[in-house]
Amino acid sequence: MSDKPQAEQLRQAYQQAKQQHKPSAQQQRQLKQACRAANAAVRQVSWWQRGQWILACGALLVLATVMFTQEHSQHATVPVYALSYDDYEQVETHSVEQGHYVTHIREQKQALDKQFSQQQKRLSEQRFYGRLVHSDQDTWFVADCQSKTLLEIKHSVLDALQNEPALSDLAPGQMLALDKNTDGHLTTISAVPHTVYACP
């Protein structure tokens, strides 16, 4: 309780001091003008500083816009897949039927047709080239250009194929064009012009 009268005495002493030392109206006006002048001097900013602030704010706006649009576009771009069986050569179907795991593989008709046409073309175009390496009375040895195979051709085959008399005059090193049928049997052997010196 002794604190209350002391606090009251201090308050009264403060109010009396305030009344005794109160500035006049003119002093108050001068003080306000001095404060305003000091604040005005601090607030004056050069055009360079103002320009820097404007540029910094603009750069910050551009950065925020770019980041927002980039983040928004990443979330918005969801890949869309269209199902088309034509894009695939095989379709595997996995299922459980009567308690057994079953896998069905269906090859697409297009892939099979393409494969079939390639094989047909390959069978019909069985022409290959080789070089006569050695010949003697009974046998010709021909090096196949593509498969690096040495063909040993007996004269019995040559006699059956020889329609042209030019084949008997061939010398080692001569390039030959050979054809095979679908069974892999030689059907024709012909000399390639002398202007061809290497495997085509």
Protein backbone atom coordinates (compact mmCIF):
# COMPACT_ATOMS: atom_id res chain seq x y z
CA MET A 1 0.00 0.00 0.00
CA SER A 2 2.92 2.33 0.55
CA ASP A 3 3.64 2.17 -3.19
CA LYS A 4 0.34 3.85 -4.11
CA PRO A 5 0.93 7.13 -2.30
CA GLN A 6 4.48 7.30 -3.73
CA ALA A 7 3.21 6.74 -7.27
CA GLU A 8 0.58 9.41 -6.71
CA GLN A 9 3.20 11.84 -5.43
CA LEU A 10 5.42 11.21 -8.44
CA ARG A 11 2.52 11.77 -10.82
CA GLN A 12 1.64 15.04 -9.18
CA ALA A 13 5.28 16.18 -9.24
CA TYR A 14 5.46 15.34 -12.97
CA GLN A 15 2.28 17.31 -13.74
CA GLN A 16 3.63 20.34 -11.83
CA ALA A 17 6.96 20.20 -13.66
CA LYS A 18 5.13 19.90 -16.94
CA GLN A 19 3.01 22.98 -16.16
CA GLN A 20 6.03 25.01 -15.10
CA HIS A 21 8.19 24.11 -18.11
CA LYS A 22 5.48 24.13 -20.77
CA PRO A 23 6.80 25.65 -24.05
CA SER A 24 5.01 28.62 -25.47
CA ALA A 25 2.90 28.37 -28.64
CA GLN A 26 5.69 29.99 -30.66
CA GLN A 27 8.26 27.49 -29.37
CA GLN A 28 5.90 24.64 -30.24
CA ARG A 29 5.50 25.97 -33.81
CA GLN A 30 9.25 26.34 -34.24
CA LEU A 31 9.79 22.80 -32.96
CA LYS A 32 7.19 21.42 -35.40
CA GLN A 33 8.78 23.32 -38.31
CA ALA A 34 12.22 22.02 -37.39
CA CYS A 35 10.90 18.45 -37.25
CA ARG A 36 9.16 18.84 -40.62
CA ALA A 37 12.31 20.28 -42.22
CA ALA A 38 14.42 17.42 -40.85
CA ASN A 39 11.93 14.83 -42.15
CA ALA A 40 11.75 16.56 -45.56
CA ALA A 41 15.54 16.55 -45.88
CA VAL A 42 15.66 12.84 -45.17
CA ARG A 43 12.84 12.08 -47.62
CA GLN A 44 14.46 13.80 -50.59
CA VAL A 45 15.60 10.99 -52.93
CA SER A 46 17.60 11.55 -56.09
CA TRP A 47 16.25 10.49 -59.46
CA TRP A 48 18.97 7.80 -59.62
CA GLN A 49 17.79 6.16 -56.40
CA ARG A 50 14.18 6.41 -57.50
CA GLY A 51 15.08 4.78 -60.86
CA GLN A 52 16.90 1.96 -59.11
CA TRP A 53 13.87 1.29 -56.94
CA ILE A 54 11.59 1.23 -59.97
CA LEU A 55 13.91 -1.14 -61.86
CA ALA A 56 14.24 -3.45 -58.86
CA CYS A 57 10.47 -3.60 -58.41
CA GLY A 58 9.98 -4.28 -62.14
CA ALA A 59 12.58 -7.07 -62.11
CA LEU A 60 10.92 -8.59 -59.07
CA LEU A 61 7.54 -8.52 -60.84
CA VAL A 62 8.99 -10.17 -63.96
CA LEU A 63 10.70 -12.86 -61.89
CA ALA A 64 7.51 -13.60 -59.97
CA THR A 65 5.50 -13.78 -63.21
CA VAL A 66 7.98 -16.14 -64.87
CA MET A 67 8.15 -18.42 -61.85
CA PHE A 68 4.37 -18.53 -61.51
CA THR A 69 3.75 -19.26 -65.20
CA GLN A 70 6.49 -21.91 -65.30
CA GLU A 71 5.14 -23.68 -62.23
CA HIS A 72 1.60 -23.38 -63.55
CA SER A 73 2.57 -24.78 -66.96
CA GLN A 74 4.42 -27.74 -65.37
CA HIS A 75 1.34 -28.71 -63.41
CA ALA A 76 -1.02 -28.05 -66.29
CA THR A 77 0.86 -30.13 -68.90
CA VAL A 78 -0.31 -33.66 -68.36
CA PRO A 79 0.73 -35.96 -71.21
CA VAL A 80 -2.17 -37.39 -73.14
CA TYR A 81 -1.75 -40.86 -74.60
CA ALA A 82 -4.03 -42.20 -77.28
CA LEU A 83 -4.37 -45.95 -77.54
CA SER A 84 -3.77 -47.23 -81.04
CA TYR A 85 -2.93 -50.85 -81.69
CA ASP A 86 -1.41 -49.86 -85.04
CA ASP A 87 1.56 -48.33 -83.21
CA TYR A 88 2.69 -51.69 -81.85
CA GLU A 89 3.99 -54.80 -83.57
CA GLN A 90 2.82 -57.14 -80.84
CA VAL A 91 0.10 -56.99 -78.23
CA GLU A 92 0.49 -59.17 -75.13
CA THR A 93 -2.64 -60.01 -73.17
CA HIS A 94 -2.10 -61.25 -69.62
CA SER A 95 -5.02 -62.79 -67.76
CA VAL A 96 -6.01 -65.46 -65.27
CA GLU A 97 -8.45 -67.98 -66.71
CA GLN A 98 -9.80 -70.83 -64.61
CA GLY A 99 -7.05 -70.29 -62.06
CA HIS A 100 -4.19 -70.35 -64.62
CA TYR A 101 -2.09 -67.42 -65.71
CA VAL A 102 -2.43 -67.10 -69.48
CA THR A 103 -0.47 -64.92 -71.89
CA HIS A 104 -1.66 -64.33 -75.45
CA ILE A 105 0.63 -62.65 -77.95
CA ARG A 106 -1.05 -61.17 -81.00
CA GLU A 107 1.18 -59.90 -83.75
CA GLN A 108 -0.30 -57.13 -85.75
CA LYS A 109 -1.31 -57.88 -89.31
CA GLN A 110 0.66 -54.89 -90.60
CA ALA A 111 3.89 -56.15 -89.07
CA LEU A 112 3.28 -59.63 -90.46
CA ASP A 113 2.43 -58.24 -93.89
CA LYS A 114 5.57 -56.13 -93.89
CA GLN A 115 7.69 -59.07 -92.80
CA PHE A 116 6.07 -61.29 -95.44
CA SER A 117 6.69 -58.76 -98.22
CA GLN A 118 10.32 -58.38 -97.15
CA GLN A 119 10.80 -62.14 -97.23
CA GLN A 120 9.11 -62.39 -100.62
CA LYS A 121 11.38 -59.66 -101.94
CA ARG A 122 14.41 -61.35 -100.44
CA LEU A 123 13.47 -64.69 -102.02
CA SER A 124 12.83 -63.18 -105.41
CA GLU A 125 16.03 -61.13 -105.33
CA GLN A 126 18.64 -63.69 -104.43
CA ARG A 127 21.29 -62.11 -106.58
CA PHE A 128 24.69 -61.76 -105.04
CA TYR A 129 28.18 -61.04 -106.22
CA GLY A 130 31.45 -62.88 -105.84
CA ARG A 131 35.00 -63.05 -107.13
CA LEU A 132 36.42 -66.07 -108.88
CA VAL A 133 39.36 -66.97 -106.67
CA HIS A 134 40.61 -70.17 -108.25
CA SER A 135 39.51 -72.54 -110.98
CA ASP A 136 40.79 -75.95 -112.01
CA GLN A 137 39.45 -78.77 -114.15
CA ASP A 138 36.78 -79.93 -111.68
CA THR A 139 35.92 -76.95 -109.46
CA TRP A 140 35.51 -73.18 -109.25
CA PHE A 141 36.12 -71.38 -105.97
CA VAL A 142 34.10 -68.16 -105.68
CA ALA A 143 34.37 -65.77 -102.69
CA ASP A 144 30.94 -64.30 -101.85
CA CYS A 145 31.20 -60.53 -101.33
CA GLN A 146 28.49 -60.10 -98.69
CA SER A 147 28.57 -63.17 -96.48
CA LYS A 148 32.34 -63.86 -96.69
CA THR A 149 31.58 -67.40 -97.85
CA LEU A 150 33.75 -69.46 -100.16
CA LEU A 151 31.58 -71.26 -102.71
CA GLU A 152 32.98 -74.46 -104.16
CA ILE A 153 31.15 -74.99 -107.46
CA LYS A 154 31.69 -78.29 -109.23
CA HIS A 155 31.90 -78.47 -113.03
CA SER A 156 28.76 -80.60 -113.10
CA VAL A 157 26.81 -77.54 -111.88
CA LEU A 158 28.70 -75.25 -114.23
CA ASP A 159 27.91 -77.51 -117.18
CA ALA A 160 24.22 -77.49 -116.25
CA LEU A 161 24.19 -73.68 -115.97
CA GLN A 162 26.56 -72.75 -118.75
CA ASN A 163 24.48 -71.11 -121.42
CA GLU A 164 27.12 -68.61 -122.34
CA PRO A 165 30.44 -69.67 -123.77
CA ALA A 166 31.99 -66.60 -122.09
CA LEU A 167 32.07 -68.43 -118.72
CA SER A 168 34.72 -70.85 -119.93
CA ASP A 169 37.12 -67.97 -120.61
CA LEU A 170 36.99 -66.50 -117.08
CA ALA A 171 40.23 -65.99 -115.19
CA PRO A 172 40.79 -65.78 -111.42
CA GLY A 173 39.97 -62.31 -110.07
CA GLN A 174 36.93 -61.92 -112.34
CA MET A 175 33.78 -60.56 -110.63
CA LEU A 176 30.69 -62.76 -111.02
CA ALA A 177 26.95 -62.20 -110.54
CA LEU A 178 25.23 -65.29 -109.14
CA ASP A 179 21.52 -66.00 -108.64
CA LYS A 180 19.91 -68.55 -106.32
CA ASN A 181 16.38 -69.90 -106.29
CA THR A 182 14.19 -70.28 -103.20
CA ASP A 183 15.83 -73.63 -102.42
CA GLY A 184 19.27 -72.04 -102.38
CA HIS A 185 20.41 -73.67 -105.65
CA LEU A 186 22.43 -71.66 -108.13
CA THR A 187 20.36 -70.76 -111.19
CA THR A 188 22.66 -68.41 -113.14
CA ILE A 189 26.27 -67.35 -113.13
CA SER A 190 27.29 -64.43 -115.27
CA ALA A 191 30.40 -62.34 -115.63
CA VAL A 192 30.28 -58.78 -114.40
CA PRO A 193 31.78 -56.23 -116.82
CA HIS A 194 35.54 -55.77 -116.59
CA THR A 195 35.03 -52.20 -115.33
CA VAL A 196 33.90 -53.60 -111.94
CA TYR A 197 36.93 -54.45 -109.80
CA ALA A 198 35.43 -54.61 -106.32
CA CYS A 199 32.34 -55.94 -104.62
CA PRO A 200 29.34 -53.69 -105.20
